[in-house]
PDB file of N, CA and C in Angstrom:
ATOM      1  N   MET A   1     223.830 139.987 151.838  1.00  0.00           N
ATOM      2  CA  MET A   1     222.434 139.644 151.773  1.00  0.00           C
ATOM      3  C   MET A   1     222.237 138.143 151.944  1.00  0.00           C
ATOM      4  N   GLU A   2     223.108 137.354 151.372  1.00  0.00           N
ATOM      5  CA  GLU A   2     223.010 135.907 151.471  1.00  0.00           C
ATOM      6  C   GLU A   2     223.253 135.428 152.901  1.00  0.00           C
ATOM      7  N   ASP A   3     224.137 136.106 153.629  1.00  0.00           N
ATOM      8  CA  ASP A   3     224.412 135.734 155.019  1.00  0.00           C
ATOM      9  C   ASP A   3     223.164 135.881 155.888  1.00  0.00           C
ATOM     10  N   LYS A   4     222.408 136.940 155.663  1.00  0.00           N
ATOM     11  CA  LYS A   4     221.185 137.151 156.447  1.00  0.00           C
ATOM     12  C   LYS A   4     220.159 136.072 156.142  1.00  0.00           C
ATOM     13  N   GLU A   5     220.059 135.669 154.889  1.00  0.00           N
ATOM     14  CA  GLU A   5     219.109 134.622 154.513  1.00  0.00           C
ATOM     15  C   GLU A   5     219.513 133.283 155.112  1.00  0.00           C
ATOM     16  N   LYS A   6     220.801 132.995 155.175  1.00  0.00           N
ATOM     17  CA  LYS A   6     221.285 131.744 155.768  1.00  0.00           C
ATOM     18  C   LYS A   6     220.991 131.723 157.268  1.00  0.00           C
ATOM     19  N   LYS A   7     221.183 132.856 157.945  1.00  0.00           N
ATOM     20  CA  LYS A   7     220.914 132.944 159.372  1.00  0.00           C
ATOM     21  C   LYS A   7     219.428 132.752 159.661  1.00  0.00           C
ATOM     22  N   LYS A   8     218.577 133.293 158.811  1.00  0.00           N
ATOM     23  CA  LYS A   8     217.143 133.139 158.998  1.00  0.00           C
ATOM     24  C   LYS A   8     216.719 131.691 158.826  1.00  0.00           C
ATOM     25  N   LYS A   9     217.339 130.980 157.917  1.00  0.00           N
ATOM     26  CA  LYS A   9     217.000 129.595 157.675  1.00  0.00           C
ATOM     27  C   LYS A   9     217.414 128.700 158.834  1.00  0.00           C
ATOM     28  N   LYS A  10     218.440 129.080 159.575  1.00  0.00           N
ATOM     29  CA  LYS A  10     218.940 128.262 160.680  1.00  0.00           C
ATOM     30  C   LYS A  10     218.039 128.343 161.909  1.00  0.00           C
ATOM     31  N   LYS A  11     217.165 129.313 161.940  1.00  0.00           N
ATOM     32  CA  LYS A  11     216.278 129.433 163.102  1.00  0.00           C
ATOM     33  C   LYS A  11     215.269 128.296 163.078  1.00  0.00           C
ATOM     34  N   GLY A  12     215.087 127.683 164.242  1.00  0.00           N
ATOM     35  CA  GLY A  12     214.152 126.577 164.364  1.00  0.00           C
ATOM     36  C   GLY A  12     214.007 126.208 165.818  1.00  0.00           C
ATOM     37  N   ALA A  13     213.617 124.982 166.067  1.00  0.00           N
ATOM     38  CA  ALA A  13     213.380 124.524 167.434  1.00  0.00           C
ATOM     39  C   ALA A  13     214.637 124.596 168.293  1.00  0.00           C
ATOM     40  N   TRP A  14     215.790 124.358 167.714  1.00  0.00           N
ATOM     41  CA  TRP A  14     217.035 124.351 168.486  1.00  0.00           C
ATOM     42  C   TRP A  14     217.629 125.743 168.657  1.00  0.00           C
ATOM     43  N   HIS A  15     217.094 126.712 167.957  1.00  0.00           N
ATOM     44  CA  HIS A  15     217.667 128.061 168.012  1.00  0.00           C
ATOM     45  C   HIS A  15     216.687 129.068 168.597  1.00  0.00           C
ATOM     46  N   ILE A  16     215.763 128.612 169.413  1.00  0.00           N
ATOM     47  CA  ILE A  16     214.787 129.514 170.018  1.00  0.00           C
ATOM     48  C   ILE A  16     215.475 130.471 170.979  1.00  0.00           C
ATOM     49  N   GLY A  17     216.356 129.953 171.799  1.00  0.00           N
ATOM     50  CA  GLY A  17     217.082 130.793 172.738  1.00  0.00           C
ATOM     51  C   GLY A  17     217.514 129.994 173.945  1.00  0.00           C
ATOM     52  N   TRP A  18     218.510 130.503 174.624  1.00  0.00           N
ATOM     53  CA  TRP A  18     219.062 129.810 175.797  1.00  0.00           C
ATOM     54  C   TRP A  18     218.179 129.954 177.023  1.00  0.00           C
ATOM     55  N   GLY A  19     217.221 130.826 176.979  1.00  0.00           N
ATOM     56  CA  GLY A  19     216.343 131.051 178.120  1.00  0.00           C
ATOM     57  C   GLY A  19     215.546 129.812 178.506  1.00  0.00           C
ATOM     58  N   TRP A  20     215.234 128.970 177.558  1.00  0.00           N
ATOM     59  CA  TRP A  20     214.471 127.750 177.843  1.00  0.00           C
ATOM     60  C   TRP A  20     215.254 126.798 178.728  1.00  0.00           C
ATOM     61  N   TYR A  21     216.573 126.789 178.589  1.00  0.00           N
ATOM     62  CA  TYR A  21     217.396 125.904 179.415  1.00  0.00           C
ATOM     63  C   TYR A  21     217.358 126.313 180.881  1.00  0.00           C
ATOM     64  N   LEU A  22     217.045 127.559 181.144  1.00  0.00           N
ATOM     65  CA  LEU A  22     216.909 128.041 182.507  1.00  0.00           C
ATOM     66  C   LEU A  22     215.447 128.020 182.957  1.00  0.00           C
ATOM     67  N   ALA A  23     214.536 128.395 182.092  1.00  0.00           N
ATOM     68  CA  ALA A  23     213.129 128.521 182.461  1.00  0.00           C
ATOM     69  C   ALA A  23     212.481 127.176 182.790  1.00  0.00           C
ATOM     70  N   VAL A  24     212.751 126.162 182.005  1.00  0.00           N
ATOM     71  CA  VAL A  24     212.094 124.862 182.215  1.00  0.00           C
ATOM     72  C   VAL A  24     212.471 124.254 183.571  1.00  0.00           C
ATOM     73  N   PRO A  25     213.753 124.164 183.938  1.00  0.00           N
ATOM     74  CA  PRO A  25     214.064 123.600 185.266  1.00  0.00           C
ATOM     75  C   PRO A  25     213.523 124.452 186.415  1.00  0.00           C
ATOM     76  N   VAL A  26     213.559 125.760 186.285  1.00  0.00           N
ATOM     77  CA  VAL A  26     213.051 126.629 187.352  1.00  0.00           C
ATOM     78  C   VAL A  26     211.546 126.429 187.525  1.00  0.00           C
ATOM     79  N   LEU A  27     210.809 126.386 186.433  1.00  0.00           N
ATOM     80  CA  LEU A  27     209.370 126.165 186.523  1.00  0.00           C
ATOM     81  C   LEU A  27     209.041 124.787 187.068  1.00  0.00           C
ATOM     82  N   THR A  28     209.841 123.794 186.728  1.00  0.00           N
ATOM     83  CA  THR A  28     209.632 122.443 187.246  1.00  0.00           C
ATOM     84  C   THR A  28     209.815 122.408 188.760  1.00  0.00           C
ATOM     85  N   VAL A  29     210.882 123.018 189.250  1.00  0.00           N
ATOM     86  CA  VAL A  29     211.149 123.042 190.692  1.00  0.00           C
ATOM     87  C   VAL A  29     210.059 123.813 191.425  1.00  0.00           C
ATOM     88  N   LEU A  30     209.634 124.933 190.876  1.00  0.00           N
ATOM     89  CA  LEU A  30     208.575 125.718 191.523  1.00  0.00           C
ATOM     90  C   LEU A  30     207.258 124.950 191.578  1.00  0.00           C
ATOM     91  N   SER A  31     206.927 124.252 190.511  1.00  0.00           N
ATOM     92  CA  SER A  31     205.668 123.499 190.531  1.00  0.00           C
ATOM     93  C   SER A  31     205.737 122.348 191.527  1.00  0.00           C
ATOM     94  N   MET A  32     206.896 121.703 191.656  1.00  0.00           N
ATOM     95  CA  MET A  32     207.048 120.624 192.630  1.00  0.00           C
ATOM     96  C   MET A  32     206.945 121.169 194.049  1.00  0.00           C
ATOM     97  N   ALA A  33     207.543 122.334 194.304  1.00  0.00           N
ATOM     98  CA  ALA A  33     207.483 122.942 195.634  1.00  0.00           C
ATOM     99  C   ALA A  33     206.056 123.352 195.979  1.00  0.00           C
ATOM    100  N   LEU A  34     205.339 123.883 195.019  1.00  0.00           N
ATOM    101  CA  LEU A  34     203.952 124.273 195.252  1.00  0.00           C
ATOM    102  C   LEU A  34     203.104 123.051 195.560  1.00  0.00           C
ATOM    103  N   LYS A  35     203.300 121.988 194.815  1.00  0.00           N
ATOM    104  CA  LYS A  35     202.534 120.761 195.056  1.00  0.00           C
ATOM    105  C   LYS A  35     202.839 120.198 196.443  1.00  0.00           C
ATOM    106  N   ARG A  36     204.104 120.203 196.837  1.00  0.00           N
ATOM    107  CA  ARG A  36     204.496 119.690 198.153  1.00  0.00           C
ATOM    108  C   ARG A  36     203.900 120.558 199.258  1.00  0.00           C
ATOM    109  N   GLY A  37     203.880 121.858 199.073  1.00  0.00           N
ATOM    110  CA  GLY A  37     203.304 122.766 200.061  1.00  0.00           C
ATOM    111  C   GLY A  37     201.820 122.551 200.241  1.00  0.00           C
ATOM    112  N   ILE A  38     201.115 122.337 199.145  1.00  0.00           N
ATOM    113  CA  ILE A  38     199.675 122.077 199.225  1.00  0.00           C
ATOM    114  C   ILE A  38     199.427 120.760 199.939  1.00  0.00           C
ATOM    115  N   ASN A  39     200.216 119.751 199.650  1.00  0.00           N
ATOM    116  CA  ASN A  39     200.049 118.449 200.304  1.00  0.00           C
ATOM    117  C   ASN A  39     200.334 118.538 201.794  1.00  0.00           C
ATOM    118  N   ASP A  40     201.344 119.320 202.191  1.00  0.00           N
ATOM    119  CA  ASP A  40     201.668 119.465 203.612  1.00  0.00           C
ATOM    120  C   ASP A  40     200.520 120.113 204.380  1.00  0.00           C
ATOM    121  N   VAL A  41     199.925 121.128 203.806  1.00  0.00           N
ATOM    122  CA  VAL A  41     198.822 121.814 204.465  1.00  0.00           C
ATOM    123  C   VAL A  41     197.627 120.881 204.613  1.00  0.00           C
ATOM    124  N   SER A  42     197.311 120.140 203.558  1.00  0.00           N
ATOM    125  CA  SER A  42     196.158 119.240 203.638  1.00  0.00           C
ATOM    126  C   SER A  42     196.426 118.089 204.599  1.00  0.00           C
ATOM    127  N   ASP A  43     197.668 117.624 204.695  1.00  0.00           N
ATOM    128  CA  ASP A  43     198.008 116.562 205.646  1.00  0.00           C
ATOM    129  C   ASP A  43     197.838 117.021 207.082  1.00  0.00           C
ATOM    130  N   LYS A  44     198.232 118.252 207.383  1.00  0.00           N
ATOM    131  CA  LYS A  44     198.099 118.775 208.745  1.00  0.00           C
ATOM    132  C   LYS A  44     196.632 118.878 209.147  1.00  0.00           C
ATOM    133  N   THR A  45     195.796 119.334 208.250  1.00  0.00           N
ATOM    134  CA  THR A  45     194.371 119.454 208.533  1.00  0.00           C
ATOM    135  C   THR A  45     193.768 118.083 208.772  1.00  0.00           C
ATOM    136  N   THR A  46     194.111 117.131 207.949  1.00  0.00           N
ATOM    137  CA  THR A  46     193.563 115.786 208.065  1.00  0.00           C
ATOM    138  C   THR A  46     194.009 115.121 209.353  1.00  0.00           C
ATOM    139  N   SER A  47     195.272 115.286 209.736  1.00  0.00           N
ATOM    140  CA  SER A  47     195.776 114.610 210.930  1.00  0.00           C
ATOM    141  C   SER A  47     195.107 115.142 212.198  1.00  0.00           C
ATOM    142  N   SER A  48     194.843 116.444 212.281  1.00  0.00           N
ATOM    143  CA  SER A  48     194.197 116.971 213.479  1.00  0.00           C
ATOM    144  C   SER A  48     192.750 116.495 213.568  1.00  0.00           C
ATOM    145  N   VAL A  49     192.077 116.402 212.455  1.00  0.00           N
ATOM    146  CA  VAL A  49     190.706 115.894 212.450  1.00  0.00           C
ATOM    147  C   VAL A  49     190.720 114.421 212.813  1.00  0.00           C
ATOM    148  N   ASN A  50     191.661 113.681 212.283  1.00  0.00           N
ATOM    149  CA  ASN A  50     191.749 112.261 212.574  1.00  0.00           C
ATOM    150  C   ASN A  50     192.014 112.008 214.053  1.00  0.00           C
ATOM    151  N   ALA A  51     192.846 112.806 214.677  1.00  0.00           N
ATOM    152  CA  ALA A  51     193.143 112.619 216.094  1.00  0.00           C
ATOM    153  C   ALA A  51     191.876 112.796 216.934  1.00  0.00           C
ATOM    154  N   LEU A  52     191.102 113.794 216.595  1.00  0.00           N
ATOM    155  CA  LEU A  52     189.862 114.042 217.324  1.00  0.00           C
ATOM    156  C   LEU A  52     188.852 112.915 217.078  1.00  0.00           C
ATOM    157  N   ASP A  53     188.761 112.476 215.843  1.00  0.00           N
ATOM    158  CA  ASP A  53     187.842 111.368 215.519  1.00  0.00           C
ATOM    159  C   ASP A  53     188.239 110.088 216.251  1.00  0.00           C
ATOM    160  N   ILE A  54     189.530 109.821 216.299  1.00  0.00           N
ATOM    161  CA  ILE A  54     190.005 108.616 216.996  1.00  0.00           C
ATOM    162  C   ILE A  54     189.694 108.711 218.489  1.00  0.00           C
ATOM    163  N   LEU A  55     189.913 109.894 219.049  1.00  0.00           N
ATOM    164  CA  LEU A  55     189.628 110.086 220.475  1.00  0.00           C
ATOM    165  C   LEU A  55     188.146 109.858 220.765  1.00  0.00           C
ATOM    166  N   LYS A  56     187.286 110.428 219.939  1.00  0.00           N
ATOM    167  CA  LYS A  56     185.843 110.239 220.132  1.00  0.00           C
ATOM    168  C   LYS A  56     185.464 108.766 219.995  1.00  0.00           C
ATOM    169  N   GLU A  57     186.047 108.105 219.030  1.00  0.00           N
ATOM    170  CA  GLU A  57     185.756 106.687 218.814  1.00  0.00           C
ATOM    171  C   GLU A  57     186.169 105.841 220.017  1.00  0.00           C
ATOM    172  N   ARG A  58     187.344 106.125 220.572  1.00  0.00           N
ATOM    173  CA  ARG A  58     187.810 105.383 221.752  1.00  0.00           C
ATOM    174  C   ARG A  58     186.885 105.608 222.941  1.00  0.00           C
ATOM    175  N   TYR A  59     186.383 106.845 223.080  1.00  0.00           N
ATOM    176  CA  TYR A  59     185.477 107.151 224.185  1.00  0.00           C
ATOM    177  C   TYR A  59     184.144 106.410 224.018  1.00  0.00           C
ATOM    178  N   VAL A  60     183.639 106.414 222.804  1.00  0.00           N
ATOM    179  CA  VAL A  60     182.365 105.736 222.531  1.00  0.00           C
ATOM    180  C   VAL A  60     182.488 104.228 222.762  1.00  0.00           C
ATOM    181  N   LYS A  61     183.625 103.663 222.397  1.00  0.00           N
ATOM    182  CA  LYS A  61     183.836 102.222 222.594  1.00  0.00           C
ATOM    183  C   LYS A  61     184.057 101.853 224.058  1.00  0.00           C
ATOM    184  N   GLY A  62     184.332 102.853 224.887  1.00  0.00           N
ATOM    185  CA  GLY A  62     184.562 102.585 226.302  1.00  0.00           C
ATOM    186  C   GLY A  62     186.012 102.278 226.627  1.00  0.00           C
ATOM    187  N   GLU A  63     186.913 102.541 225.702  1.00  0.00           N
ATOM    188  CA  GLU A  63     188.335 102.290 225.949  1.00  0.00           C
ATOM    189  C   GLU A  63     188.925 103.301 226.933  1.00  0.00           C
ATOM    190  N   ILE A  64     188.368 104.515 226.960  1.00  0.00           N
ATOM    191  CA  ILE A  64     188.822 105.543 227.898  1.00  0.00           C
ATOM    192  C   ILE A  64     187.603 106.114 228.621  1.00  0.00           C
ATOM    193  N   ASP A  65     187.845 106.633 229.831  1.00  0.00           N
ATOM    194  CA  ASP A  65     186.739 107.218 230.589  1.00  0.00           C
ATOM    195  C   ASP A  65     186.636 108.719 230.308  1.00  0.00           C
ATOM    196  N   LYS A  66     185.636 109.358 230.913  1.00  0.00           N
ATOM    197  CA  LYS A  66     185.360 110.775 230.673  1.00  0.00           C
ATOM    198  C   LYS A  66     186.537 111.660 231.065  1.00  0.00           C
ATOM    199  N   GLU A  67     187.169 111.363 232.173  1.00  0.00           N
ATOM    200  CA  GLU A  67     188.297 112.167 232.640  1.00  0.00           C
ATOM    201  C   GLU A  67     189.466 112.108 231.646  1.00  0.00           C
ATOM    202  N   GLU A  68     189.782 110.903 231.197  1.00  0.00           N
ATOM    203  CA  GLU A  68     190.880 110.748 230.239  1.00  0.00           C
ATOM    204  C   GLU A  68     190.517 111.397 228.898  1.00  0.00           C
ATOM    205  N   PHE A  69     189.261 111.278 228.492  1.00  0.00           N
ATOM    206  CA  PHE A  69     188.797 111.912 227.256  1.00  0.00           C
ATOM    207  C   PHE A  69     188.985 113.419 227.321  1.00  0.00           C
ATOM    208  N   ASP A  70     188.551 114.029 228.437  1.00  0.00           N
ATOM    209  CA  ASP A  70     188.677 115.478 228.591  1.00  0.00           C
ATOM    210  C   ASP A  70     190.136 115.928 228.572  1.00  0.00           C
ATOM    211  N   GLN A  71     191.005 115.173 229.238  1.00  0.00           N
ATOM    212  CA  GLN A  71     192.430 115.518 229.263  1.00  0.00           C
ATOM    213  C   GLN A  71     193.029 115.451 227.859  1.00  0.00           C
ATOM    214  N   LYS A  72     192.737 114.389 227.145  1.00  0.00           N
ATOM    215  CA  LYS A  72     193.289 114.229 225.803  1.00  0.00           C
ATOM    216  C   LYS A  72     192.709 115.270 224.839  1.00  0.00           C
ATOM    217  N   LEU A  73     191.448 115.627 225.031  1.00  0.00           N
ATOM    218  CA  LEU A  73     190.831 116.664 224.222  1.00  0.00           C
ATOM    219  C   LEU A  73     191.539 118.002 224.418  1.00  0.00           C
ATOM    220  N   ARG A  74     191.853 118.328 225.670  1.00  0.00           N
ATOM    221  CA  ARG A  74     192.614 119.557 225.961  1.00  0.00           C
ATOM    222  C   ARG A  74     193.991 119.508 225.310  1.00  0.00           C
ATOM    223  N   ASP A  75     194.640 118.358 225.362  1.00  0.00           N
ATOM    224  CA  ASP A  75     195.958 118.203 224.746  1.00  0.00           C
ATOM    225  C   ASP A  75     195.900 118.432 223.235  1.00  0.00           C
ATOM    226  N   ILE A  76     194.874 117.904 222.601  1.00  0.00           N
ATOM    227  CA  ILE A  76     194.736 118.063 221.153  1.00  0.00           C
ATOM    228  C   ILE A  76     194.508 119.530 220.805  1.00  0.00           C
ATOM    229  N   LYS A  77     193.677 120.204 221.578  1.00  0.00           N
ATOM    230  CA  LYS A  77     193.393 121.624 221.309  1.00  0.00           C
ATOM    231  C   LYS A  77     194.631 122.488 221.534  1.00  0.00           C
ATOM    232  N   GLU A  78     195.445 122.150 222.529  1.00  0.00           N
ATOM    233  CA  GLU A  78     196.669 122.905 222.789  1.00  0.00           C
ATOM    234  C   GLU A  78     197.698 122.698 221.685  1.00  0.00           C
ATOM    235  N   ALA A  79     197.710 121.511 221.088  1.00  0.00           N
ATOM    236  CA  ALA A  79     198.672 121.202 220.035  1.00  0.00           C
ATOM    237  C   ALA A  79     198.393 121.977 218.747  1.00  0.00           C
ATOM    238  N   ARG A  80     197.160 122.399 218.578  1.00  0.00           N
ATOM    239  CA  ARG A  80     196.808 123.157 217.355  1.00  0.00           C
ATOM    240  C   ARG A  80     197.379 124.489 217.446  1.00  0.00           C
TER     241      ARG A  80
END
């Protein structure tokens, strides 16, 4: 009877279980991968919009003519 009481007293923060040693690193890696995946998707969307905005800006400034604008516009659409 005394052995059971001693075992119960030893339970605490350090005796929760070995599962935490596996769960915490796995959850950390998964959350980092999810964050990186979300950032990659948002970066791709932003870069394609930026390319089109830059092209329009160059055309408005007169840096490129209509023919070059149309060609580059087709290139951007094909890259998507």
